[in-house]
Amino acid sequence: MSLIASFMNLAGPDLIVILLIILVLFGAKKLPELARGMGQAVKEFQKAKDEFSDELHKAGKSETETAKADVKPAQSTVPRSQGESAASVTPPQSNEAVTPGNKADQV
């Protein structure tokens, strides 16, 4: 009952009045049955909540495992021409000065 009291922010006297009203409405013989039924309902709710969270965790784990299995190595997006090879490209000589800003020299 303290969970309900803390949830609704009820003080001691307010809670006592509510419990007395419940006692008058249902009677002393029905209260243990009601409490037992409420306890079973809360237990079933907790069980369903735990099963649901377990299913979510299992689904998350299986998705990450399949995502890791689907990862393929990166492929080159620039196609190579068949006639061109890496040896045909000549790097600039170390004694030549390269000026990147002057386009007139590159013609």
C-alpha atoms as a PDB file:
ATOM      1  CA  MET A   1       0.000   0.000   0.000  1.00  0.00           C
ATOM      2  CA  SER A   2       2.917   2.361   0.539  1.00  0.00           C
ATOM      3  CA  LEU A   3       3.535   2.273  -3.212  1.00  0.00           C
ATOM      4  CA  ILE A   4       0.044   3.609  -3.817  1.00  0.00           C
ATOM      5  CA  ALA A   5       0.475   6.199  -1.079  1.00  0.00           C
ATOM      6  CA  SER A   6       3.757   7.439  -2.493  1.00  0.00           C
ATOM      7  CA  PHE A   7       2.347   7.435  -6.024  1.00  0.00           C
ATOM      8  CA  MET A   8      -0.646   9.564  -5.102  1.00  0.00           C
ATOM      9  CA  ASN A   9       1.290  11.584  -2.513  1.00  0.00           C
ATOM     10  CA  LEU A  10      -1.112  10.684   0.283  1.00  0.00           C
ATOM     11  CA  ALA A  11      -0.315  11.427   3.906  1.00  0.00           C
ATOM     12  CA  GLY A  12      -1.045   9.059   6.843  1.00  0.00           C
ATOM     13  CA  PRO A  13      -4.538  10.298   7.798  1.00  0.00           C
ATOM     14  CA  ASP A  14      -5.699  10.365   4.170  1.00  0.00           C
ATOM     15  CA  LEU A  15      -4.581   6.790   3.643  1.00  0.00           C
ATOM     16  CA  ILE A  16      -6.326   5.624   6.833  1.00  0.00           C
ATOM     17  CA  VAL A  17      -9.601   7.208   5.707  1.00  0.00           C
ATOM     18  CA  ILE A  18      -9.363   5.527   2.294  1.00  0.00           C
ATOM     19  CA  LEU A  19      -8.642   2.138   3.905  1.00  0.00           C
ATOM     20  CA  LEU A  20     -11.643   2.550   6.242  1.00  0.00           C
ATOM     21  CA  ILE A  21     -13.900   3.342   3.268  1.00  0.00           C
ATOM     22  CA  ILE A  22     -12.655   0.212   1.489  1.00  0.00           C
ATOM     23  CA  LEU A  23     -13.266  -1.830   4.640  1.00  0.00           C
ATOM     24  CA  VAL A  24     -16.840  -0.551   4.892  1.00  0.00           C
ATOM     25  CA  LEU A  25     -17.564  -1.128   1.172  1.00  0.00           C
ATOM     26  CA  PHE A  26     -16.171  -4.648   0.856  1.00  0.00           C
ATOM     27  CA  GLY A  27     -16.303  -6.016   4.397  1.00  0.00           C
ATOM     28  CA  ALA A  28     -13.678  -7.729   6.502  1.00  0.00           C
ATOM     29  CA  LYS A  29     -14.180 -11.137   4.853  1.00  0.00           C
ATOM     30  CA  LYS A  30     -13.549  -9.859   1.317  1.00  0.00           C
ATOM     31  CA  LEU A  31     -10.409  -7.821   2.054  1.00  0.00           C
ATOM     32  CA  PRO A  32      -7.958 -10.771   2.153  1.00  0.00           C
ATOM     33  CA  GLU A  33      -9.393 -12.074  -1.126  1.00  0.00           C
ATOM     34  CA  LEU A  34      -9.071  -8.626  -2.722  1.00  0.00           C
ATOM     35  CA  ALA A  35      -5.509  -8.239  -1.461  1.00  0.00           C
ATOM     36  CA  ARG A  36      -4.592 -11.713  -2.737  1.00  0.00           C
ATOM     37  CA  GLY A  37      -6.128 -10.944  -6.140  1.00  0.00           C
ATOM     38  CA  MET A  38      -4.299  -7.631  -6.356  1.00  0.00           C
ATOM     39  CA  GLY A  39      -1.023  -9.331  -5.407  1.00  0.00           C
ATOM     40  CA  GLN A  40      -1.481 -11.947  -8.132  1.00  0.00           C
ATOM     41  CA  ALA A  41      -2.348  -9.255 -10.674  1.00  0.00           C
ATOM     42  CA  VAL A  42       0.787  -7.281  -9.814  1.00  0.00           C
ATOM     43  CA  LYS A  43       2.874 -10.473 -10.001  1.00  0.00           C
ATOM     44  CA  GLU A  44       1.464 -11.330 -13.452  1.00  0.00           C
ATOM     45  CA  PHE A  45       2.066  -7.775 -14.631  1.00  0.00           C
ATOM     46  CA  GLN A  46       5.706  -7.902 -13.492  1.00  0.00           C
ATOM     47  CA  LYS A  47       6.166 -11.276 -15.201  1.00  0.00           C
ATOM     48  CA  ALA A  48       4.724  -9.969 -18.479  1.00  0.00           C
ATOM     49  CA  LYS A  49       6.884  -6.845 -18.252  1.00  0.00           C
ATOM     50  CA  ASP A  50      10.034  -8.918 -17.684  1.00  0.00           C
ATOM     51  CA  GLU A  51       9.204 -11.238 -20.603  1.00  0.00           C
ATOM     52  CA  PHE A  52       8.599  -8.239 -22.853  1.00  0.00           C
ATOM     53  CA  SER A  53      11.907  -6.605 -21.910  1.00  0.00           C
ATOM     54  CA  ASP A  54      13.729  -9.928 -22.424  1.00  0.00           C
ATOM     55  CA  GLU A  55      12.216 -10.220 -25.902  1.00  0.00           C
ATOM     56  CA  LEU A  56      13.335  -6.676 -26.703  1.00  0.00           C
ATOM     57  CA  HIS A  57      16.883  -7.428 -25.559  1.00  0.00           C
ATOM     58  CA  LYS A  58      16.977 -10.670 -27.572  1.00  0.00           C
ATOM     59  CA  ALA A  59      15.707  -8.848 -30.667  1.00  0.00           C
ATOM     60  CA  GLY A  60      18.298  -6.109 -30.214  1.00  0.00           C
ATOM     61  CA  LYS A  61      21.108  -8.638 -29.836  1.00  0.00           C
ATOM     62  CA  SER A  62      20.024 -10.633 -32.883  1.00  0.00           C
ATOM     63  CA  GLU A  63      19.790  -7.447 -34.991  1.00  0.00           C
ATOM     64  CA  THR A  64      23.308  -6.380 -34.046  1.00  0.00           C
ATOM     65  CA  GLU A  65      24.657  -9.866 -34.779  1.00  0.00           C
ATOM     66  CA  THR A  66      23.030  -9.937 -38.213  1.00  0.00           C
ATOM     67  CA  ALA A  67      24.216  -6.400 -38.902  1.00  0.00           C
ATOM     68  CA  LYS A  68      27.789  -7.426 -38.076  1.00  0.00           C
ATOM     69  CA  ALA A  69      27.463 -10.490 -40.325  1.00  0.00           C
ATOM     70  CA  ASP A  70      26.170  -8.369 -43.219  1.00  0.00           C
ATOM     71  CA  VAL A  71      29.094  -5.929 -43.143  1.00  0.00           C
ATOM     72  CA  LYS A  72      31.212  -6.374 -46.269  1.00  0.00           C
ATOM     73  CA  PRO A  73      34.603  -4.850 -46.994  1.00  0.00           C
ATOM     74  CA  ALA A  74      34.512  -1.520 -48.779  1.00  0.00           C
ATOM     75  CA  GLN A  75      34.950  -1.617 -52.512  1.00  0.00           C
ATOM     76  CA  SER A  76      36.535   1.035 -54.668  1.00  0.00           C
ATOM     77  CA  THR A  77      34.041   3.489 -56.130  1.00  0.00           C
ATOM     78  CA  VAL A  78      36.456   4.745 -58.783  1.00  0.00           C
ATOM     79  CA  PRO A  79      36.682   2.326 -61.718  1.00  0.00           C
ATOM     80  CA  ARG A  80      40.125   1.679 -63.141  1.00  0.00           C
ATOM     81  CA  SER A  81      40.569   1.770 -66.873  1.00  0.00           C
ATOM     82  CA  GLN A  82      42.135  -1.349 -68.322  1.00  0.00           C
ATOM     83  CA  GLY A  83      44.862   0.450 -70.281  1.00  0.00           C
ATOM     84  CA  GLU A  84      46.015   2.575 -67.361  1.00  0.00           C
ATOM     85  CA  SER A  85      48.219   1.067 -64.725  1.00  0.00           C
ATOM     86  CA  ALA A  86      49.767   2.455 -61.579  1.00  0.00           C
ATOM     87  CA  ALA A  87      53.214   2.487 -63.219  1.00  0.00           C
ATOM     88  CA  SER A  88      52.117   4.862 -66.013  1.00  0.00           C
ATOM     89  CA  VAL A  89      51.459   7.673 -63.550  1.00  0.00           C
ATOM     90  CA  THR A  90      54.735   9.461 -62.897  1.00  0.00           C
ATOM     91  CA  PRO A  91      55.194  11.403 -59.688  1.00  0.00           C
ATOM     92  CA  PRO A  92      56.892  14.821 -59.891  1.00  0.00           C
ATOM     93  CA  GLN A  93      60.664  14.774 -59.676  1.00  0.00           C
ATOM     94  CA  SER A  94      62.182  15.884 -56.419  1.00  0.00           C
ATOM     95  CA  ASN A  95      64.249  18.630 -58.109  1.00  0.00           C
ATOM     96  CA  GLU A  96      61.203  20.201 -59.849  1.00  0.00           C
ATOM     97  CA  ALA A  97      59.311  22.943 -58.043  1.00  0.00           C
ATOM     98  CA  VAL A  98      55.553  22.477 -57.975  1.00  0.00           C
ATOM     99  CA  THR A  99      53.355  25.575 -57.778  1.00  0.00           C
ATOM    100  CA  PRO A 100      49.724  24.627 -57.214  1.00  0.00           C
ATOM    101  CA  GLY A 101      48.225  28.088 -57.817  1.00  0.00           C
ATOM    102  CA  ASN A 102      49.558  28.817 -61.329  1.00  0.00           C
ATOM    103  CA  LYS A 103      47.363  27.192 -64.012  1.00  0.00           C
ATOM    104  CA  ALA A 104      49.248  28.763 -66.919  1.00  0.00           C
ATOM    105  CA  ASP A 105      52.267  26.554 -66.166  1.00  0.00           C
ATOM    106  CA  GLN A 106      50.183  23.392 -66.275  1.00  0.00           C
ATOM    107  CA  VAL A 107      49.102  23.831 -69.918  1.00  0.00           C
END
